[in-house]
Protein backbone atom coordinates (compact mmCIF):
# COMPACT_ATOMS: atom_id res chain seq x y z
CA MET A 1 13.91 -28.76 18.05
CA VAL A 2 11.84 -30.25 21.01
CA SER A 3 13.90 -27.75 23.09
CA LEU A 4 12.77 -24.82 21.50
CA VAL A 5 9.29 -26.23 22.03
CA ALA A 6 9.73 -26.57 25.73
CA GLY A 7 10.73 -23.00 25.95
CA GLY A 8 7.83 -21.35 23.82
CA CYS A 9 5.52 -24.26 25.77
CA ALA A 10 6.89 -24.43 29.42
CA SER A 11 3.48 -23.43 31.02
CA ASP A 12 1.75 -25.68 29.36
CA SER A 13 3.03 -29.16 30.31
CA SER A 14 1.34 -32.45 31.27
CA ASP A 15 0.93 -34.07 34.58
CA ASP A 16 -0.52 -36.70 33.11
CA ASP A 17 2.54 -38.91 32.93
CA ALA A 18 5.06 -38.00 35.01
CA THR A 19 7.81 -39.54 33.17
CA ASP A 20 7.00 -37.83 30.16
CA VAL A 21 6.96 -33.85 31.31
CA ARG A 22 6.64 -32.64 27.46
CA PRO A 23 3.18 -30.64 27.04
CA LYS A 24 0.41 -32.73 25.47
CA GLY A 25 0.50 -32.64 21.10
CA VAL A 26 3.99 -31.89 21.58
CA GLU A 27 4.85 -34.35 19.20
CA LEU A 28 2.55 -33.55 16.29
CA TYR A 29 3.75 -29.76 16.86
CA VAL A 30 7.23 -31.27 15.75
CA ALA A 31 5.91 -33.48 12.75
CA GLY A 32 4.60 -30.12 11.75
CA VAL A 33 7.90 -28.66 11.95
CA GLN A 34 8.93 -31.20 9.60
CA ALA A 35 6.62 -31.10 7.30
CA SER A 36 6.65 -27.42 6.79
CA ARG A 37 10.74 -27.60 6.37
CA LEU A 38 10.38 -30.37 3.52
CA GLY A 39 7.44 -27.91 2.04
CA ASN A 40 4.35 -30.14 2.82
CA GLN A 41 1.79 -27.45 3.92
CA ARG A 42 -1.03 -29.03 3.62
CA LEU A 43 0.49 -31.99 6.14
CA ALA A 44 1.93 -29.09 8.51
CA GLN A 45 -1.49 -27.61 8.61
CA ALA A 46 -3.11 -31.10 9.76
CA LYS A 47 -0.28 -31.62 12.05
CA PHE A 48 -0.98 -27.65 13.87
CA GLU A 49 -4.81 -28.35 13.61
CA GLN A 50 -4.46 -31.58 15.33
CA ALA A 51 -2.11 -30.59 18.29
CA THR A 52 -4.44 -27.65 18.90
CA VAL A 53 -7.16 -30.17 19.68
CA ILE A 54 -5.45 -32.55 21.89
CA ASN A 55 -3.57 -29.18 23.55
CA PRO A 56 -5.06 -25.80 23.17
CA LYS A 57 -2.41 -23.70 25.12
CA LEU A 58 0.59 -24.89 22.51
CA GLN A 59 1.55 -21.58 21.99
CA MET A 60 4.05 -22.23 18.85
CA VAL A 61 1.14 -24.26 17.39
CA ARG A 62 -1.12 -21.59 17.40
CA ALA A 63 1.39 -18.82 15.72
CA MET A 64 2.34 -21.11 13.17
CA LEU A 65 -1.21 -22.39 12.34
CA GLY A 66 -2.28 -18.62 12.31
CA ASP A 67 0.91 -17.51 9.99
CA ILE A 68 -0.12 -20.92 7.34
CA TYR A 69 -3.97 -19.53 7.62
CA ARG A 70 -2.34 -15.64 6.59
CA SER A 71 -0.32 -17.42 4.03
CA GLN A 72 -3.74 -18.79 2.05
CA ASN A 73 -5.57 -15.09 3.19
CA ASP A 74 -7.98 -17.24 5.27
CA TYR A 75 -7.24 -13.71 7.71
CA GLU A 76 -10.78 -15.13 9.79
CA ARG A 77 -9.45 -18.48 10.57
CA ALA A 78 -5.85 -16.66 10.58
CA LEU A 79 -7.45 -14.23 13.56
CA GLU A 80 -8.77 -17.05 15.67
CA GLN A 81 -5.07 -18.14 16.37
CA TYR A 82 -3.63 -15.22 17.13
CA GLU A 83 -6.66 -13.98 19.64
CA VAL A 84 -6.11 -17.06 21.67
CA LEU A 85 -2.46 -16.73 21.15
CA ALA A 86 -2.41 -12.74 22.88
CA ASN A 87 -4.38 -13.85 25.57
CA LEU A 88 -2.08 -17.03 26.11
CA ASP A 89 0.84 -14.99 26.05
CA PRO A 90 0.21 -11.14 26.38
CA GLN A 91 3.89 -9.90 27.40
CA ASP A 92 4.93 -11.14 23.67
CA ALA A 93 4.42 -8.09 21.42
CA GLU A 94 5.15 -10.06 18.33
CA ASN A 95 1.61 -11.71 19.00
CA PHE A 96 -0.06 -8.49 19.16
CA TYR A 97 1.70 -7.09 15.85
CA ARG A 98 0.86 -10.49 14.36
CA LEU A 99 -2.72 -9.83 15.28
CA GLY A 100 -2.60 -6.53 14.08
CA VAL A 101 -1.61 -7.42 10.60
CA THR A 102 -4.86 -9.81 10.83
CA TYR A 103 -7.37 -7.09 11.76
CA GLN A 104 -5.49 -4.42 8.94
CA PHE A 105 -6.12 -6.67 6.15
CA LEU A 106 -9.85 -7.57 7.45
CA GLN A 107 -10.05 -3.88 7.14
CA ARG A 108 -11.13 -3.51 11.30
CA VAL A 109 -8.62 -0.93 11.21
CA ASN A 110 -9.60 0.82 14.71
CA GLU A 111 -8.46 -2.65 16.53
CA ALA A 112 -5.74 -3.27 14.43
CA VAL A 113 -4.32 0.42 16.20
CA ALA A 114 -5.38 -0.83 19.47
CA SER A 115 -3.28 -4.24 18.71
CA TYR A 116 -0.24 -2.29 17.52
CA LEU A 117 -0.69 -0.07 20.56
CA SER A 118 -0.13 -2.87 22.61
CA ALA A 119 2.78 -4.16 20.75
CA LEU A 120 4.43 -0.93 21.08
CA ARG A 121 3.64 -0.50 25.10
CA LEU A 122 5.75 -4.07 25.10
CA ASN A 123 8.30 -3.15 22.41
CA PRO A 124 8.07 0.60 21.55
CA GLU A 125 11.34 0.02 19.12
CA ASP A 126 9.57 -2.30 17.02
CA VAL A 127 9.62 -1.06 13.37
CA LYS A 128 7.08 -3.21 11.57
CA SER A 129 4.55 -1.88 14.39
CA ASN A 130 5.13 1.36 14.35
CA MET A 131 5.27 1.35 10.39
CA ASN A 132 1.98 -0.27 9.96
CA LEU A 133 0.15 1.61 12.95
CA GLY A 134 1.26 4.62 11.01
CA LEU A 135 -0.73 3.40 8.27
CA CYS A 136 -3.64 3.05 9.92
CA TYR A 137 -3.70 6.32 11.23
CA LEU A 138 -3.30 7.31 7.30
CA THR A 139 -6.34 5.36 6.83
CA LEU A 140 -7.98 6.84 9.36
CA ASN A 141 -7.23 10.60 8.25
CA GLN A 142 -5.17 10.83 10.91
CA GLY A 143 -2.39 12.38 9.35
CA SER A 144 -0.13 13.98 12.31
CA ASP A 145 -0.56 10.55 14.19
CA ALA A 146 0.79 8.59 10.46
CA ILE A 147 3.71 10.80 10.41
CA LYS A 148 4.70 10.38 13.49
CA TYR A 149 4.68 6.47 13.89
CA LEU A 150 6.12 6.39 9.99
CA ARG A 151 8.73 8.60 10.74
CA ARG A 152 9.21 7.03 13.66
CA ALA A 153 10.46 3.89 11.68
CA THR A 154 12.58 5.47 9.12
CA GLN A 155 14.17 6.54 12.93
CA LEU A 156 14.39 3.03 14.07
CA GLN A 157 15.70 1.39 10.97
CA PRO A 158 16.64 4.39 8.74
CA ASP A 159 17.48 1.86 5.49
CA PHE A 160 14.08 0.72 5.40
CA ALA A 161 12.79 1.51 2.00
CA ASP A 162 9.20 0.50 2.39
CA ALA A 163 8.74 3.05 5.57
CA TRP A 164 10.02 5.94 3.68
CA THR A 165 7.79 5.34 0.94
CA ASN A 166 5.06 5.20 3.31
CA LEU A 167 5.96 7.73 5.21
CA GLY A 168 6.31 9.78 1.80
CA VAL A 169 2.43 9.13 1.26
CA ALA A 170 1.42 10.47 4.66
CA LEU A 171 3.33 13.52 4.38
CA ASP A 172 2.13 14.08 0.60
CA ALA A 173 -1.75 13.64 2.21
CA ALA A 174 -0.26 16.13 5.13
CA GLY A 175 0.50 18.86 2.46
CA ASP A 176 4.40 18.76 3.25
CA LEU A 177 5.32 17.84 -0.73
CA ALA A 178 8.91 18.98 -0.17
CA GLY A 179 9.06 16.81 2.97
CA ALA A 180 7.23 13.76 0.99
CA GLU A 181 9.70 14.32 -2.18
CA SER A 182 12.75 13.96 -0.31
CA ALA A 183 10.99 10.48 1.70
CA TYR A 184 10.27 9.63 -1.73
CA LYS A 185 13.67 9.96 -3.10
CA ARG A 186 15.38 8.36 0.08
CA ALA A 187 13.28 5.11 -0.61
CA LEU A 188 14.52 5.20 -4.24
CA GLU A 189 18.02 5.73 -3.13
CA LEU A 190 17.64 2.77 -0.69
CA ASP A 191 15.90 0.20 -3.19
CA ARG A 192 16.00 1.21 -6.75
CA ASN A 193 13.09 -1.17 -7.45
CA GLN A 194 10.39 0.49 -5.44
CA ASN A 195 7.90 1.61 -8.47
CA VAL A 196 5.76 2.61 -6.16
CA SER A 197 8.08 5.49 -4.62
CA LEU A 198 8.95 6.41 -8.23
CA LEU A 199 5.43 6.43 -9.55
CA ASN A 200 4.21 8.57 -6.48
CA LEU A 201 7.60 11.19 -6.96
CA GLY A 202 5.96 11.66 -10.82
CA ALA A 203 2.97 12.84 -8.96
CA ASN A 204 4.42 14.80 -6.37
CA LEU A 205 6.70 16.93 -8.43
CA ILE A 206 3.70 17.21 -10.80
CA ARG A 207 2.10 18.94 -8.05
CA GLN A 208 4.83 20.85 -7.28
CA ASN A 209 4.59 22.19 -10.77
CA LYS A 210 8.30 21.12 -11.59
CA GLY A 211 7.62 19.57 -15.36
CA GLU A 212 10.98 19.03 -16.26
CA ALA A 213 11.97 17.00 -12.84
CA ALA A 214 8.77 14.93 -13.06
CA VAL A 215 9.03 13.96 -17.14
CA SER A 216 12.42 12.90 -15.86
CA VAL A 217 11.05 10.41 -13.00
CA MET A 218 8.27 9.68 -15.40
CA GLU A 219 10.82 8.27 -18.17
CA GLU A 220 11.78 5.97 -16.03
CA ALA A 221 8.65 4.80 -14.77
CA ILE A 222 6.90 3.93 -17.50
CA LYS A 223 10.32 1.49 -18.78
CA ARG A 224 9.12 -0.49 -15.49
CA VAL A 225 5.02 -0.22 -15.88
CA ASP A 226 3.48 -0.50 -18.90
CA ASP A 227 0.05 0.67 -17.83
CA ALA A 228 -2.61 3.39 -18.54
CA PRO A 229 -2.19 5.06 -15.65
CA THR A 230 1.74 5.51 -15.46
CA HIS A 231 1.23 6.46 -19.17
CA THR A 232 -1.36 8.98 -18.72
CA ARG A 233 0.81 10.83 -15.44
CA TYR A 234 4.01 10.89 -17.97
CA ALA A 235 1.22 12.85 -20.33
CA GLN A 236 0.52 15.36 -17.18
CA ALA A 237 4.26 15.88 -16.68
CA LEU A 238 5.07 16.25 -20.25
CA THR A 239 2.43 19.08 -20.28
CA LEU A 240 3.27 20.60 -17.61
CA ALA A 241 6.88 20.88 -19.32
CA LYS A 242 5.00 22.46 -22.22
CA ARG A 243 5.73 19.35 -24.41
CA PHE A 244 2.54 19.23 -25.88
CA ASP A 245 2.93 17.24 -28.72
CA GLU A 246 4.94 14.70 -27.07
CA ALA A 247 2.23 14.31 -24.47
CA LEU A 248 -1.01 13.95 -26.65
CA ALA A 249 1.16 11.21 -28.29
CA GLN A 250 0.83 9.47 -24.76
CA TYR A 251 -3.00 9.60 -24.41
CA PRO A 252 -3.72 6.94 -27.34
CA ILE A 253 -1.06 4.56 -26.06
CA ALA A 254 -3.17 4.58 -22.43
CA LEU A 255 -6.55 3.83 -23.58
CA LYS A 256 -5.19 1.03 -26.32
CA LEU A 257 -4.09 -0.30 -23.01
CA ASP A 258 -6.95 0.24 -21.15
CA PRO A 259 -10.20 1.86 -23.91
CA ARG A 260 -12.46 3.01 -20.42
CA TYR A 261 -9.28 4.78 -18.38
CA TYR A 262 -11.29 7.92 -18.79
CA PRO A 263 -8.56 9.68 -16.72
CA ALA A 264 -6.59 9.53 -19.67
CA LEU A 265 -9.25 11.17 -21.69
CA ASN A 266 -9.51 14.13 -19.00
CA GLU A 267 -6.02 14.18 -19.00
CA GLN A 268 -5.71 15.02 -22.79
CA GLY A 269 -8.43 17.59 -22.78
CA PHE A 270 -6.54 19.48 -20.10
CA THR A 271 -3.31 18.94 -22.40
CA TYR A 272 -5.42 20.79 -25.29
CA ILE A 273 -6.61 23.41 -22.99
CA ALA A 274 -2.82 24.40 -22.27
CA MET A 275 -2.01 24.48 -26.03
CA PHE A 276 -4.82 26.84 -26.33
CA GLU A 277 -4.02 29.18 -23.82
CA ASN A 278 -0.47 28.93 -24.78
CA GLY A 279 -1.75 30.50 -27.79
CA LEU A 280 -0.62 27.54 -29.88
CA GLU A 281 -3.88 26.68 -31.96
CA LEU A 282 -5.55 30.32 -32.77
CA ASP A 283 -8.10 28.62 -34.91
CA ASP A 284 -9.86 27.53 -31.45
CA LYS A 285 -9.30 24.18 -32.52
CA SER A 286 -7.69 22.75 -29.24
CA ARG A 287 -10.34 23.95 -27.15
CA LEU A 288 -12.98 22.38 -29.11
CA GLN A 289 -10.84 18.90 -29.18
CA ALA A 290 -10.72 19.27 -24.97
CA ILE A 291 -14.33 19.14 -25.05
CA ALA A 292 -14.59 16.41 -27.62
CA SER A 293 -11.96 14.76 -25.31
CA TRP A 294 -14.27 15.45 -21.80
CA GLY A 295 -17.12 14.31 -23.89
CA GLN A 296 -15.85 11.08 -24.55
CA SER A 297 -14.86 10.46 -20.85
CA LEU A 298 -18.63 11.19 -20.08
CA LYS A 299 -19.60 8.63 -22.31
CA VAL A 300 -17.18 6.17 -20.32
CA ASN A 301 -18.64 7.55 -16.83
CA PRO A 302 -21.50 9.76 -16.67
CA ASN A 303 -20.51 10.08 -13.03
CA GLN A 304 -18.20 13.03 -13.48
CA PRO A 305 -19.96 16.33 -12.33
CA SER A 306 -16.48 18.11 -12.65
CA VAL A 307 -15.53 16.83 -15.85
CA ALA A 308 -19.47 17.94 -16.85
CA ALA A 309 -18.81 21.70 -14.67
CA VAL A 310 -15.31 21.83 -17.15
CA ILE A 311 -17.32 21.41 -20.57
CA GLN A 312 -19.61 23.76 -19.22
CA GLN A 313 -16.71 26.34 -18.33
CA TRP A 314 -14.86 26.18 -22.05
CA SER A 315 -18.14 25.95 -24.02
CA GLY A 316 -18.43 28.69 -26.32
CA ASN A 317 -15.87 30.99 -27.85
CA ARG A 318 -13.59 31.87 -25.40
CA MET A 319 -10.85 33.31 -27.94
CA PHE A 320 -13.28 36.11 -28.45
CA GLY A 321 -14.55 36.68 -24.98
CA GLY A 322 -17.55 34.44 -25.18
CA GLN A 323 -19.09 32.41 -22.62
């Protein structure tokens, strides 16, 4: 254990005692590691904090203390440790990766980008830095850069399901729907439990007007994720496949799970309009039901100008050419 400390802290040695070449505070670091291994994170934290006071230059202490703070979602204190660590050893890519992750959690995206770029200058093949940098660029709406680094992550580690999922999101955002579909499917091949990829794939297939394929995906999704958005998306797929009665059965389920989930009311309206346009309700009932659904949605959330506009569009007797 001590040999590992010496390797990480060789530049920190004290000359106060010629008979003890160990850095100051190393015994506290050792005690902290032992406490951590025994599951006593509170004691480990206390030992590491004491060690930083005795010897501010102990790099491994900074790394482990920063990791503890990050695990507690205390990102400001973690950032303080990682910034010191990166200054102490600016040639270690992992230090800049830690810094980038913390900036990302703090939503300081531009600073996260700079940190990941520093990490990649030191280690261009770091998969995690490539992926997270891609996500930062996606947040900044820099689609081509996002795709570049996310694709690089999949090339460096082809079996990394999360990287394929995130590449799919970037390709979706860029309008490359076929490419995104392939990325989501690859993620699911690698990890069948990737619920995010499954849901994204369903939405992607809906955007491509692949109704039956979307239904198949969403049938699996609602077995895993029983919430209002998932049932609503399933209903969208069923509507696209012209399975209107099945679609209409999903909206009450969604609204029971979340009575204020107004997107379900909006989509219910569009399902009724699809029925109307397919000539299934010649007495104009579906159009009126659509308007009623959208009206309910506006009661839940009045700030929906697009819904108000669609109500205006479909008001009047459209069956006979009325406006």
